[in-house]
PDB file of N, CA and C in Angstrom:
ATOM      1  N   MET A   1      37.813  19.011  43.970  1.00  0.00           N
ATOM      2  CA  MET A   1      38.481  18.330  43.386  1.00  0.00           C
ATOM      3  C   MET A   1      37.441  16.551  43.136  1.00  0.00           C
ATOM      4  N   ALA A   2      36.971  16.563  44.088  1.00  0.00           N
ATOM      5  CA  ALA A   2      36.396  15.069  43.998  1.00  0.00           C
ATOM      6  C   ALA A   2      35.074  15.377  42.816  1.00  0.00           C
ATOM      7  N   LEU A   3      34.490  16.664  43.057  1.00  0.00           N
ATOM      8  CA  LEU A   3      33.020  17.072  42.022  1.00  0.00           C
ATOM      9  C   LEU A   3      33.805  16.644  40.714  1.00  0.00           C
ATOM     10  N   THR A   4      34.797  17.394  40.354  1.00  0.00           N
ATOM     11  CA  THR A   4      35.435  17.674  39.197  1.00  0.00           C
ATOM     12  C   THR A   4      35.711  16.512  38.350  1.00  0.00           C
ATOM     13  N   LYS A   5      36.160  15.425  39.422  1.00  0.00           N
ATOM     14  CA  LYS A   5      36.414  14.154  38.696  1.00  0.00           C
ATOM     15  C   LYS A   5      35.115  13.109  38.477  1.00  0.00           C
ATOM     16  N   LYS A   6      34.022  13.502  39.186  1.00  0.00           N
ATOM     17  CA  LYS A   6      32.630  13.067  39.012  1.00  0.00           C
ATOM     18  C   LYS A   6      32.246  13.481  38.031  1.00  0.00           C
ATOM     19  N   LEU A   7      32.375  14.857  37.522  1.00  0.00           N
ATOM     20  CA  LEU A   7      31.960  15.521  36.315  1.00  0.00           C
ATOM     21  C   LEU A   7      32.348  15.269  35.155  1.00  0.00           C
ATOM     22  N   THR A   8      33.985  14.985  35.241  1.00  0.00           N
ATOM     23  CA  THR A   8      34.472  14.326  33.808  1.00  0.00           C
ATOM     24  C   THR A   8      34.172  12.724  33.692  1.00  0.00           C
ATOM     25  N   GLY A   9      34.091  12.304  34.638  1.00  0.00           N
ATOM     26  CA  GLY A   9      33.742  10.775  34.600  1.00  0.00           C
ATOM     27  C   GLY A   9      32.170  10.723  33.896  1.00  0.00           C
ATOM     28  N   ALA A  10      31.005  11.561  34.234  1.00  0.00           N
ATOM     29  CA  ALA A  10      30.416  11.798  33.821  1.00  0.00           C
ATOM     30  C   ALA A  10      30.109  11.911  32.191  1.00  0.00           C
ATOM     31  N   ILE A  11      31.172  13.269  32.031  1.00  0.00           N
ATOM     32  CA  ILE A  11      31.125  13.258  30.401  1.00  0.00           C
ATOM     33  C   ILE A  11      31.551  12.331  29.743  1.00  0.00           C
ATOM     34  N   VAL A  12      32.547  11.606  30.398  1.00  0.00           N
ATOM     35  CA  VAL A  12      33.035  10.989  29.392  1.00  0.00           C
ATOM     36  C   VAL A  12      32.212   9.657  29.322  1.00  0.00           C
ATOM     37  N   ALA A  13      31.270   9.043  30.321  1.00  0.00           N
ATOM     38  CA  ALA A  13      30.094   8.294  30.059  1.00  0.00           C
ATOM     39  C   ALA A  13      29.285   8.588  29.044  1.00  0.00           C
ATOM     40  N   ILE A  14      28.934   9.962  29.040  1.00  0.00           N
ATOM     41  CA  ILE A  14      27.800  10.273  28.245  1.00  0.00           C
ATOM     42  C   ILE A  14      28.472  10.233  27.011  1.00  0.00           C
ATOM     43  N   ALA A  15      29.347  10.636  26.903  1.00  0.00           N
ATOM     44  CA  ALA A  15      30.260  10.616  25.357  1.00  0.00           C
ATOM     45  C   ALA A  15      30.198   9.107  24.424  1.00  0.00           C
ATOM     46  N   PHE A  16      30.702   7.925  25.476  1.00  0.00           N
ATOM     47  CA  PHE A  16      30.633   6.825  25.222  1.00  0.00           C
ATOM     48  C   PHE A  16      29.096   6.255  24.989  1.00  0.00           C
ATOM     49  N   VAL A  17      28.250   6.412  25.548  1.00  0.00           N
ATOM     50  CA  VAL A  17      26.852   6.373  25.373  1.00  0.00           C
ATOM     51  C   VAL A  17      26.433   6.849  23.645  1.00  0.00           C
ATOM     52  N   LEU A  18      27.212   8.229  23.610  1.00  0.00           N
ATOM     53  CA  LEU A  18      26.943   8.769  22.382  1.00  0.00           C
ATOM     54  C   LEU A  18      27.319   7.845  21.401  1.00  0.00           C
ATOM     55  N   THR A  19      28.183   7.911  21.508  1.00  0.00           N
ATOM     56  CA  THR A  19      29.113   7.092  20.534  1.00  0.00           C
ATOM     57  C   THR A  19      28.453   5.992  19.980  1.00  0.00           C
ATOM     58  N   ALA A  20      28.226   5.254  20.784  1.00  0.00           N
ATOM     59  CA  ALA A  20      27.979   3.879  20.805  1.00  0.00           C
ATOM     60  C   ALA A  20      26.604   4.038  19.987  1.00  0.00           C
ATOM     61  N   LEU A  21      25.427   4.918  20.260  1.00  0.00           N
ATOM     62  CA  LEU A  21      24.560   4.953  19.149  1.00  0.00           C
ATOM     63  C   LEU A  21      24.569   5.454  18.466  1.00  0.00           C
ATOM     64  N   ILE A  22      25.470   6.456  18.050  1.00  0.00           N
ATOM     65  CA  ILE A  22      25.571   6.755  16.691  1.00  0.00           C
ATOM     66  C   ILE A  22      26.486   5.843  15.946  1.00  0.00           C
ATOM     67  N   THR A  23      27.241   4.632  15.888  1.00  0.00           N
ATOM     68  CA  THR A  23      27.804   3.780  15.382  1.00  0.00           C
ATOM     69  C   THR A  23      26.484   2.530  15.491  1.00  0.00           C
ATOM     70  N   PHE A  24      25.650   2.210  16.277  1.00  0.00           N
ATOM     71  CA  PHE A  24      24.561   1.425  15.503  1.00  0.00           C
ATOM     72  C   PHE A  24      23.543   2.077  14.737  1.00  0.00           C
ATOM     73  N   ALA A  25      23.401   3.181  15.055  1.00  0.00           N
ATOM     74  CA  ALA A  25      22.386   3.768  14.144  1.00  0.00           C
ATOM     75  C   ALA A  25      23.010   3.848  12.476  1.00  0.00           C
ATOM     76  N   PHE A  26      24.288   3.876  12.647  1.00  0.00           N
ATOM     77  CA  PHE A  26      24.622   3.823  10.934  1.00  0.00           C
ATOM     78  C   PHE A  26      25.061   2.158  10.408  1.00  0.00           C
ATOM     79  N   LYS A  27      25.021   1.375  11.576  1.00  0.00           N
ATOM     80  CA  LYS A  27      25.115  -0.002  11.090  1.00  0.00           C
ATOM     81  C   LYS A  27      23.676  -0.123  10.363  1.00  0.00           C
ATOM     82  N   ALA A  28      22.722  -0.111  11.402  1.00  0.00           N
ATOM     83  CA  ALA A  28      20.935  -0.279  11.165  1.00  0.00           C
ATOM     84  C   ALA A  28      21.248   0.073   9.714  1.00  0.00           C
ATOM     85  N   ASN A  29      21.315   0.987   9.290  1.00  0.00           N
ATOM     86  CA  ASN A  29      21.606   1.853   7.576  1.00  0.00           C
ATOM     87  C   ASN A  29      22.127   0.744   6.303  1.00  0.00           C
ATOM     88  N   ASP A  30      23.061   0.251   7.266  1.00  0.00           N
ATOM     89  CA  ASP A  30      24.219  -0.447   6.491  1.00  0.00           C
ATOM     90  C   ASP A  30      23.472  -1.927   6.350  1.00  0.00           C
ATOM     91  N   LYS A  31      22.698  -2.247   7.157  1.00  0.00           N
ATOM     92  CA  LYS A  31      21.798  -3.356   7.244  1.00  0.00           C
ATOM     93  C   LYS A  31      20.606  -3.473   6.198  1.00  0.00           C
ATOM     94  N   SER A  32      20.386  -2.335   5.844  1.00  0.00           N
ATOM     95  CA  SER A  32      18.835  -1.881   5.331  1.00  0.00           C
ATOM     96  C   SER A  32      19.459  -1.824   3.773  1.00  0.00           C
ATOM     97  N   GLU A  33      20.317  -1.306   3.562  1.00  0.00           N
ATOM     98  CA  GLU A  33      21.071  -1.383   2.200  1.00  0.00           C
ATOM     99  C   GLU A  33      21.985  -3.004   1.608  1.00  0.00           C
ATOM    100  N   ALA A  34      22.173  -3.600   3.182  1.00  0.00           N
ATOM    101  CA  ALA A  34      22.307  -4.994   2.418  1.00  0.00           C
ATOM    102  C   ALA A  34      21.154  -5.546   2.098  1.00  0.00           C
ATOM    103  N   SER A  35      20.288  -5.296   2.553  1.00  0.00           N
ATOM    104  CA  SER A  35      18.903  -6.034   2.568  1.00  0.00           C
ATOM    105  C   SER A  35      18.306  -6.034   0.918  1.00  0.00           C
ATOM    106  N   LYS A  36      18.905  -4.762   0.296  1.00  0.00           N
ATOM    107  CA  LYS A  36      18.531  -4.317  -0.590  1.00  0.00           C
ATOM    108  C   LYS A  36      19.410  -5.107  -2.171  1.00  0.00           C
ATOM    109  N   ARG A  37      20.098  -5.749  -1.354  1.00  0.00           N
ATOM    110  CA  ARG A  37      20.854  -6.352  -2.697  1.00  0.00           C
ATOM    111  C   ARG A  37      20.012  -7.679  -2.433  1.00  0.00           C
ATOM    112  N   PHE A  38      19.521  -7.841  -1.677  1.00  0.00           N
ATOM    113  CA  PHE A  38      18.911  -9.434  -1.626  1.00  0.00           C
ATOM    114  C   PHE A  38      17.363  -9.175  -1.761  1.00  0.00           C
ATOM    115  N   THR A  39      17.040  -8.597  -3.272  1.00  0.00           N
ATOM    116  CA  THR A  39      15.751  -8.316  -3.589  1.00  0.00           C
ATOM    117  C   THR A  39      15.367  -9.414  -5.076  1.00  0.00           C
ATOM    118  N   THR A  40      14.386  -9.308  -5.631  1.00  0.00           N
ATOM    119  CA  THR A  40      14.399  -9.245  -6.830  1.00  0.00           C
ATOM    120  C   THR A  40      13.312  -8.484  -7.382  1.00  0.00           C
ATOM    121  N   THR A  41      13.403  -8.460  -8.678  1.00  0.00           N
ATOM    122  CA  THR A  41      12.540  -7.163  -9.192  1.00  0.00           C
ATOM    123  C   THR A  41      11.090  -8.102  -9.792  1.00  0.00           C
ATOM    124  N   TRP A  42       9.987  -7.448  -9.660  1.00  0.00           N
ATOM    125  CA  TRP A  42       8.917  -7.926 -10.355  1.00  0.00           C
ATOM    126  C   TRP A  42       8.118  -7.321 -11.059  1.00  0.00           C
ATOM    127  N   TYR A  43       7.850  -7.390 -12.252  1.00  0.00           N
ATOM    128  CA  TYR A  43       7.235  -6.324 -13.069  1.00  0.00           C
ATOM    129  C   TYR A  43       5.626  -6.751 -13.322  1.00  0.00           C
ATOM    130  N   TYR A  44       4.967  -5.863 -13.045  1.00  0.00           N
ATOM    131  CA  TYR A  44       2.869  -6.298 -13.559  1.00  0.00           C
ATOM    132  C   TYR A  44       2.940  -5.956 -14.828  1.00  0.00           C
ATOM    133  N   ASN A  45       2.608  -7.189 -15.258  1.00  0.00           N
ATOM    134  CA  ASN A  45       2.441  -7.613 -16.791  1.00  0.00           C
ATOM    135  C   ASN A  45       0.672  -7.602 -17.259  1.00  0.00           C
ATOM    136  N   SER A  46       0.108  -6.416 -16.491  1.00  0.00           N
ATOM    137  CA  SER A  46      -1.406  -6.251 -16.822  1.00  0.00           C
ATOM    138  C   SER A  46      -1.622  -4.782 -17.187  1.00  0.00           C
ATOM    139  N   ASP A  47      -2.759  -4.776 -17.921  1.00  0.00           N
ATOM    140  CA  ASP A  47      -2.959  -3.380 -18.303  1.00  0.00           C
ATOM    141  C   ASP A  47      -4.679  -3.026 -17.306  1.00  0.00           C
ATOM    142  N   SER A  48      -4.430  -4.016 -16.445  1.00  0.00           N
ATOM    143  CA  SER A  48      -6.048  -3.257 -15.862  1.00  0.00           C
ATOM    144  C   SER A  48      -5.530  -2.845 -14.592  1.00  0.00           C
ATOM    145  N   ASP A  49      -6.063  -1.976 -13.902  1.00  0.00           N
ATOM    146  CA  ASP A  49      -6.088  -1.537 -12.554  1.00  0.00           C
ATOM    147  C   ASP A  49      -6.755  -2.087 -11.528  1.00  0.00           C
ATOM    148  N   ALA A  50      -7.661  -3.136 -11.449  1.00  0.00           N
ATOM    149  CA  ALA A  50      -8.609  -4.197 -10.976  1.00  0.00           C
ATOM    150  C   ALA A  50      -7.856  -4.416  -9.727  1.00  0.00           C
ATOM    151  N   SER A  51      -8.523  -4.560  -8.393  1.00  0.00           N
ATOM    152  CA  SER A  51      -8.040  -4.957  -7.325  1.00  0.00           C
ATOM    153  C   SER A  51      -7.323  -6.318  -7.345  1.00  0.00           C
ATOM    154  N   GLY A  52      -8.104  -7.033  -8.216  1.00  0.00           N
ATOM    155  CA  GLY A  52      -7.870  -8.661  -8.073  1.00  0.00           C
ATOM    156  C   GLY A  52      -6.604  -9.025  -9.073  1.00  0.00           C
ATOM    157  N   ASP A  53      -6.585  -7.992  -9.497  1.00  0.00           N
ATOM    158  CA  ASP A  53      -5.244  -7.958 -10.760  1.00  0.00           C
ATOM    159  C   ASP A  53      -3.914  -7.540 -10.443  1.00  0.00           C
ATOM    160  N   ILE A  54      -3.826  -6.602  -9.738  1.00  0.00           N
ATOM    161  CA  ILE A  54      -2.939  -6.273  -8.924  1.00  0.00           C
ATOM    162  C   ILE A  54      -2.125  -7.369  -7.812  1.00  0.00           C
ATOM    163  N   THR A  55      -3.238  -7.850  -7.110  1.00  0.00           N
ATOM    164  CA  THR A  55      -2.312  -8.525  -5.766  1.00  0.00           C
ATOM    165  C   THR A  55      -2.740 -10.080  -6.283  1.00  0.00           C
ATOM    166  N   ASP A  56      -2.814  -9.924  -7.971  1.00  0.00           N
ATOM    167  CA  ASP A  56      -2.606 -11.752  -8.355  1.00  0.00           C
ATOM    168  C   ASP A  56      -1.166 -11.865  -8.666  1.00  0.00           C
ATOM    169  N   GLY A  57      -0.602 -12.856  -8.149  1.00  0.00           N
ATOM    170  CA  GLY A  57       0.855 -12.969  -8.657  1.00  0.00           C
ATOM    171  C   GLY A  57       0.685 -13.594  -9.681  1.00  0.00           C
ATOM    172  N   SER A  58       0.102 -13.858 -10.139  1.00  0.00           N
ATOM    173  CA  SER A  58       0.511 -14.498 -12.025  1.00  0.00           C
ATOM    174  C   SER A  58       0.377 -13.598 -12.995  1.00  0.00           C
ATOM    175  N   LYS A  59      -0.492 -12.180 -12.373  1.00  0.00           N
ATOM    176  CA  LYS A  59      -0.103 -10.915 -13.260  1.00  0.00           C
ATOM    177  C   LYS A  59       0.829 -10.509 -13.302  1.00  0.00           C
ATOM    178  N   TRP A  60       2.357 -10.921 -12.678  1.00  0.00           N
ATOM    179  CA  TRP A  60       3.420 -10.522 -12.454  1.00  0.00           C
ATOM    180  C   TRP A  60       4.300 -11.436 -12.795  1.00  0.00           C
ATOM    181  N   ILE A  61       5.719 -10.541 -13.316  1.00  0.00           N
ATOM    182  CA  ILE A  61       6.610 -11.736 -14.208  1.00  0.00           C
ATOM    183  C   ILE A  61       8.372 -11.070 -13.728  1.00  0.00           C
ATOM    184  N   LYS A  62       8.769 -11.795 -13.516  1.00  0.00           N
ATOM    185  CA  LYS A  62      10.297 -11.111 -13.543  1.00  0.00           C
ATOM    186  C   LYS A  62      11.378 -11.246 -14.610  1.00  0.00           C
ATOM    187  N   VAL A  63      10.739 -11.046 -15.408  1.00  0.00           N
ATOM    188  CA  VAL A  63      11.331 -10.357 -17.212  1.00  0.00           C
ATOM    189  C   VAL A  63      10.678  -9.040 -17.176  1.00  0.00           C
ATOM    190  N   ASN A  64      11.572  -8.205 -17.594  1.00  0.00           N
ATOM    191  CA  ASN A  64      10.893  -7.077 -17.856  1.00  0.00           C
ATOM    192  C   ASN A  64      10.154  -6.795 -19.168  1.00  0.00           C
ATOM    193  N   PRO A  65       8.944  -6.521 -19.330  1.00  0.00           N
ATOM    194  CA  PRO A  65       8.142  -6.746 -20.073  1.00  0.00           C
ATOM    195  C   PRO A  65       8.756  -5.446 -20.943  1.00  0.00           C
ATOM    196  N   ASN A  66       9.011  -4.399 -20.715  1.00  0.00           N
ATOM    197  CA  ASN A  66       9.766  -3.155 -21.222  1.00  0.00           C
ATOM    198  C   ASN A  66       7.572  -2.357 -21.986  1.00  0.00           C
ATOM    199  N   HIS A  67       7.444  -1.991 -20.783  1.00  0.00           N
ATOM    200  CA  HIS A  67       6.109  -0.837 -21.098  1.00  0.00           C
ATOM    201  C   HIS A  67       6.681   0.180 -20.836  1.00  0.00           C
ATOM    202  N   THR A  68       6.003   1.211 -21.619  1.00  0.00           N
ATOM    203  CA  THR A  68       6.182   2.367 -21.550  1.00  0.00           C
ATOM    204  C   THR A  68       5.737   3.421 -20.675  1.00  0.00           C
ATOM    205  N   GLY A  69       6.393   4.112 -20.290  1.00  0.00           N
ATOM    206  CA  GLY A  69       5.816   5.115 -19.647  1.00  0.00           C
ATOM    207  C   GLY A  69       6.162   4.626 -17.849  1.00  0.00           C
ATOM    208  N   CYS A  70       6.879   3.830 -18.026  1.00  0.00           N
ATOM    209  CA  CYS A  70       7.385   3.530 -16.269  1.00  0.00           C
ATOM    210  C   CYS A  70       8.100   4.621 -15.700  1.00  0.00           C
ATOM    211  N   VAL A  71       7.785   5.476 -14.618  1.00  0.00           N
ATOM    212  CA  VAL A  71       7.799   6.851 -14.134  1.00  0.00           C
ATOM    213  C   VAL A  71       8.133   6.248 -12.449  1.00  0.00           C
ATOM    214  N   SER A  72       9.038   7.553 -11.512  1.00  0.00           N
ATOM    215  CA  SER A  72       8.224   7.055 -10.293  1.00  0.00           C
ATOM    216  C   SER A  72       7.129   8.026  -9.666  1.00  0.00           C
ATOM    217  N   ALA A  73       6.182   8.376 -10.834  1.00  0.00           N
ATOM    218  CA  ALA A  73       5.390   9.211 -10.702  1.00  0.00           C
ATOM    219  C   ALA A  73       3.948   8.419 -10.047  1.00  0.00           C
ATOM    220  N   ASN A  74       2.837   9.590  -9.230  1.00  0.00           N
ATOM    221  CA  ASN A  74       1.689   8.752  -9.013  1.00  0.00           C
ATOM    222  C   ASN A  74       1.049   7.971 -10.031  1.00  0.00           C
ATOM    223  N   GLU A  75       0.993   7.079 -10.641  1.00  0.00           N
ATOM    224  CA  GLU A  75       0.376   6.854 -12.060  1.00  0.00           C
ATOM    225  C   GLU A  75      -0.747   5.895 -11.569  1.00  0.00           C
ATOM    226  N   ALA A  76      -1.417   5.008 -12.296  1.00  0.00           N
ATOM    227  CA  ALA A  76      -2.199   4.107 -11.820  1.00  0.00           C
ATOM    228  C   ALA A  76      -2.042   2.587 -11.963  1.00  0.00           C
ATOM    229  N   LEU A  77      -0.720   2.733 -12.392  1.00  0.00           N
ATOM    230  CA  LEU A  77      -0.687   1.205 -12.849  1.00  0.00           C
ATOM    231  C   LEU A  77       1.080   0.655 -11.491  1.00  0.00           C
ATOM    232  N   PRO A  78       1.116  -0.187 -11.381  1.00  0.00           N
ATOM    233  CA  PRO A  78       2.494  -0.348 -10.802  1.00  0.00           C
ATOM    234  C   PRO A  78       2.732  -0.813 -11.725  1.00  0.00           C
ATOM    235  N   CYS A  79       4.409  -0.506 -11.910  1.00  0.00           N
ATOM    236  CA  CYS A  79       5.218  -1.158 -13.182  1.00  0.00           C
ATOM    237  C   CYS A  79       6.387  -2.120 -12.410  1.00  0.00           C
ATOM    238  N   GLN A  80       6.882  -1.903 -11.581  1.00  0.00           N
ATOM    239  CA  GLN A  80       7.943  -2.871 -11.200  1.00  0.00           C
ATOM    240  C   GLN A  80       7.980  -2.476  -9.385  1.00  0.00           C
ATOM    241  N   LEU A  81       8.252  -4.231  -8.829  1.00  0.00           N
ATOM    242  CA  LEU A  81       8.513  -3.998  -7.292  1.00  0.00           C
ATOM    243  C   LEU A  81       9.052  -4.734  -7.276  1.00  0.00           C
ATOM    244  N   GLU A  82      10.129  -4.677  -5.934  1.00  0.00           N
ATOM    245  CA  GLU A  82      11.346  -4.919  -5.026  1.00  0.00           C
ATOM    246  C   GLU A  82      10.830  -6.070  -4.230  1.00  0.00           C
ATOM    247  N   VAL A  83      11.223  -7.460  -4.395  1.00  0.00           N
ATOM    248  CA  VAL A  83      10.581  -8.211  -3.322  1.00  0.00           C
ATOM    249  C   VAL A  83      11.535  -9.055  -2.708  1.00  0.00           C
ATOM    250  N   ASP A  84      11.625  -9.675  -1.871  1.00  0.00           N
ATOM    251  CA  ASP A  84      12.559 -10.781  -0.767  1.00  0.00           C
ATOM    252  C   ASP A  84      13.049 -11.516  -2.241  1.00  0.00           C
ATOM    253  N   ASN A  85      13.885 -11.765  -1.957  1.00  0.00           N
ATOM    254  CA  ASN A  85      14.793 -12.714  -3.314  1.00  0.00           C
ATOM    255  C   ASN A  85      14.690 -14.102  -3.037  1.00  0.00           C
ATOM    256  N   ALA A  86      13.815 -14.508  -1.734  1.00  0.00           N
ATOM    257  CA  ALA A  86      13.360 -16.136  -1.990  1.00  0.00           C
ATOM    258  C   ALA A  86      11.986 -16.121  -2.317  1.00  0.00           C
ATOM    259  N   VAL A  87      11.499 -15.045  -3.024  1.00  0.00           N
ATOM    260  CA  VAL A  87       9.990 -15.272  -3.838  1.00  0.00           C
ATOM    261  C   VAL A  87      10.432 -15.584  -5.244  1.00  0.00           C
ATOM    262  N   THR A  88      10.403 -16.636  -5.800  1.00  0.00           N
ATOM    263  CA  THR A  88      10.638 -17.117  -7.104  1.00  0.00           C
ATOM    264  C   THR A  88       9.176 -17.605  -7.782  1.00  0.00           C
ATOM    265  N   ASN A  89       8.487 -17.601  -7.306  1.00  0.00           N
ATOM    266  CA  ASN A  89       7.374 -17.918  -8.283  1.00  0.00           C
ATOM    267  C   ASN A  89       5.954 -17.264  -7.632  1.00  0.00           C
ATOM    268  N   SER A  90       5.087 -17.225  -8.703  1.00  0.00           N
ATOM    269  CA  SER A  90       3.275 -16.726  -8.262  1.00  0.00           C
ATOM    270  C   SER A  90       2.828 -16.547  -7.173  1.00  0.00           C
ATOM    271  N   SER A  91       2.518 -18.044  -7.061  1.00  0.00           N
ATOM    272  CA  SER A  91       2.501 -18.592  -5.733  1.00  0.00           C
ATOM    273  C   SER A  91       2.690 -17.859  -4.707  1.00  0.00           C
ATOM    274  N   GLN A  92       4.201 -17.726  -4.557  1.00  0.00           N
ATOM    275  CA  GLN A  92       5.237 -17.677  -3.426  1.00  0.00           C
ATOM    276  C   GLN A  92       5.142 -15.700  -3.385  1.00  0.00           C
ATOM    277  N   LEU A  93       5.048 -15.131  -4.564  1.00  0.00           N
ATOM    278  CA  LEU A  93       4.537 -13.694  -4.774  1.00  0.00           C
ATOM    279  C   LEU A  93       3.088 -13.475  -3.736  1.00  0.00           C
ATOM    280  N   ASP A  94       1.564 -14.669  -4.418  1.00  0.00           N
ATOM    281  CA  ASP A  94       0.674 -14.067  -3.972  1.00  0.00           C
ATOM    282  C   ASP A  94       1.062 -13.988  -1.951  1.00  0.00           C
ATOM    283  N   ALA A  95       1.648 -14.583  -1.561  1.00  0.00           N
ATOM    284  CA  ALA A  95       1.301 -15.022  -0.272  1.00  0.00           C
ATOM    285  C   ALA A  95       2.418 -13.877   0.661  1.00  0.00           C
ATOM    286  N   TYR A  96       3.699 -13.454  -0.396  1.00  0.00           N
ATOM    287  CA  TYR A  96       3.990 -12.609   0.163  1.00  0.00           C
ATOM    288  C   TYR A  96       2.851 -10.777  -0.032  1.00  0.00           C
ATOM    289  N   PHE A  97       2.478 -10.998  -0.916  1.00  0.00           N
ATOM    290  CA  PHE A  97       1.368  -9.745  -0.674  1.00  0.00           C
ATOM    291  C   PHE A  97       0.388  -9.559   0.252  1.00  0.00           C
ATOM    292  N   THR A  98      -0.053 -11.054   0.673  1.00  0.00           N
ATOM    293  CA  THR A  98      -0.700 -10.844   1.905  1.00  0.00           C
ATOM    294  C   THR A  98       0.256 -10.818   3.188  1.00  0.00           C
ATOM    295  N   THR A  99       1.164 -11.136   3.278  1.00  0.00           N
ATOM    296  CA  THR A  99       2.062 -11.082   4.218  1.00  0.00           C
ATOM    297  C   THR A  99       2.454  -9.808   4.885  1.00  0.00           C
ATOM    298  N   GLN A 100       3.229  -9.089   3.545  1.00  0.00           N
ATOM    299  CA  GLN A 100       3.888  -7.571   3.280  1.00  0.00           C
ATOM    300  C   GLN A 100       2.880  -6.781   3.415  1.00  0.00           C
ATOM    301  N   TYR A 101       1.655  -6.645   2.434  1.00  0.00           N
ATOM    302  CA  TYR A 101       0.930  -5.574   1.914  1.00  0.00           C
ATOM    303  C   TYR A 101      -0.576  -5.742   2.504  1.00  0.00           C
ATOM    304  N   SER A 102      -0.925  -6.801   3.292  1.00  0.00           N
ATOM    305  CA  SER A 102      -1.902  -7.341   3.449  1.00  0.00           C
ATOM    306  C   SER A 102      -3.502  -7.440   2.444  1.00  0.00           C
ATOM    307  N   ASP A 103      -2.483  -8.061   1.210  1.00  0.00           N
ATOM    308  CA  ASP A 103      -3.175  -8.093   0.055  1.00  0.00           C
ATOM    309  C   ASP A 103      -3.859  -7.062  -0.487  1.00  0.00           C
ATOM    310  N   SER A 104      -3.480  -5.773  -0.162  1.00  0.00           N
ATOM    311  CA  SER A 104      -3.989  -4.414  -0.384  1.00  0.00           C
ATOM    312  C   SER A 104      -3.166  -3.920  -1.750  1.00  0.00           C
ATOM    313  N   PRO A 105      -4.146  -3.587  -2.967  1.00  0.00           N
ATOM    314  CA  PRO A 105      -3.596  -3.260  -3.839  1.00  0.00           C
ATOM    315  C   PRO A 105      -2.797  -1.765  -3.756  1.00  0.00           C
ATOM    316  N   THR A 106      -3.854  -0.925  -2.913  1.00  0.00           N
ATOM    317  CA  THR A 106      -2.919   0.579  -2.780  1.00  0.00           C
ATOM    318  C   THR A 106      -1.577   0.151  -1.889  1.00  0.00           C
ATOM    319  N   ALA A 107      -1.391  -0.505  -1.453  1.00  0.00           N
ATOM    320  CA  ALA A 107       0.167  -0.611  -0.514  1.00  0.00           C
ATOM    321  C   ALA A 107       0.854  -1.090  -1.440  1.00  0.00           C
ATOM    322  N   ILE A 108       0.538  -2.002  -2.487  1.00  0.00           N
ATOM    323  CA  ILE A 108       1.472  -2.423  -3.511  1.00  0.00           C
ATOM    324  C   ILE A 108       1.892  -1.124  -4.485  1.00  0.00           C
ATOM    325  N   LYS A 109       0.856  -0.873  -4.804  1.00  0.00           N
ATOM    326  CA  LYS A 109       1.453   0.198  -5.512  1.00  0.00           C
ATOM    327  C   LYS A 109       1.974   1.350  -5.197  1.00  0.00           C
ATOM    328  N   ALA A 110       1.863   1.365  -3.959  1.00  0.00           N
ATOM    329  CA  ALA A 110       2.717   2.313  -3.290  1.00  0.00           C
ATOM    330  C   ALA A 110       4.253   1.956  -3.014  1.00  0.00           C
ATOM    331  N   ALA A 111       3.940   0.858  -3.031  1.00  0.00           N
ATOM    332  CA  ALA A 111       5.500   0.206  -2.564  1.00  0.00           C
ATOM    333  C   ALA A 111       6.669  -0.037  -4.069  1.00  0.00           C
ATOM    334  N   ALA A 112       5.437   0.257  -5.182  1.00  0.00           N
ATOM    335  CA  ALA A 112       5.987   0.190  -6.510  1.00  0.00           C
ATOM    336  C   ALA A 112       7.161   0.935  -6.808  1.00  0.00           C
ATOM    337  N   THR A 113       8.683   0.294  -7.486  1.00  0.00           N
ATOM    338  CA  THR A 113       9.661   1.315  -7.312  1.00  0.00           C
ATOM    339  C   THR A 113       9.032   1.983  -8.406  1.00  0.00           C
ATOM    340  N   SER A 114       8.420   1.648  -9.370  1.00  0.00           N
ATOM    341  CA  SER A 114       7.901   2.828 -10.691  1.00  0.00           C
ATOM    342  C   SER A 114       6.504   2.470 -11.073  1.00  0.00           C
ATOM    343  N   ARG A 115       5.680   3.276 -11.742  1.00  0.00           N
ATOM    344  CA  ARG A 115       4.593   3.233 -12.015  1.00  0.00           C
ATOM    345  C   ARG A 115       4.363   3.592 -13.310  1.00  0.00           C
ATOM    346  N   ARG A 116       3.179   3.277 -13.774  1.00  0.00           N
ATOM    347  CA  ARG A 116       3.029   3.556 -15.050  1.00  0.00           C
ATOM    348  C   ARG A 116       1.391   4.178 -15.514  1.00  0.00           C
ATOM    349  N   PRO A 117       0.958   4.670 -16.457  1.00  0.00           N
ATOM    350  CA  PRO A 117      -0.364   5.264 -16.462  1.00  0.00           C
ATOM    351  C   PRO A 117      -0.944   4.375 -17.478  1.00  0.00           C
ATOM    352  N   MET A 118      -2.429   4.284 -17.271  1.00  0.00           N
ATOM    353  CA  MET A 118      -3.236   3.096 -17.588  1.00  0.00           C
ATOM    354  C   MET A 118      -3.348   3.125 -19.302  1.00  0.00           C
ATOM    355  N   PRO A 119      -3.417   2.212 -20.358  1.00  0.00           N
ATOM    356  CA  PRO A 119      -3.001   2.524 -21.757  1.00  0.00           C
ATOM    357  C   PRO A 119      -4.393   3.250 -22.430  1.00  0.00           C
ATOM    358  N   ASP A 120      -4.158   3.841 -23.142  1.00  0.00           N
ATOM    359  CA  ASP A 120      -5.070   4.566 -24.125  1.00  0.00           C
ATOM    360  C   ASP A 120      -6.020   3.968 -24.652  1.00  0.00           C
TER     361      ASP A 120
END
């Protein structure tokens, strides 16, 4: 009888731990969804794929320039990029590129929510 009580207690403890883990796992997803609401979109406003241009905050704007061909495919130029809402100007965007993407044009292009081909 004592063994049955111990096994029952162990099963209840394991169930409690699993329930807690699953609950926290879903709360982590809620946090990432909430953080998406606190982002702003920046648009790459250059036709150059030069590394210095892609990492230059002054080549990005917050107003959609309506470039054609912006798709989520693997194209040469970034089209739009979601960044932290606290980034409000091009110099802050430069700093953001350095801290978040190590000033890497490849990383910035990979993070872009859409990309576009080089113009003809």
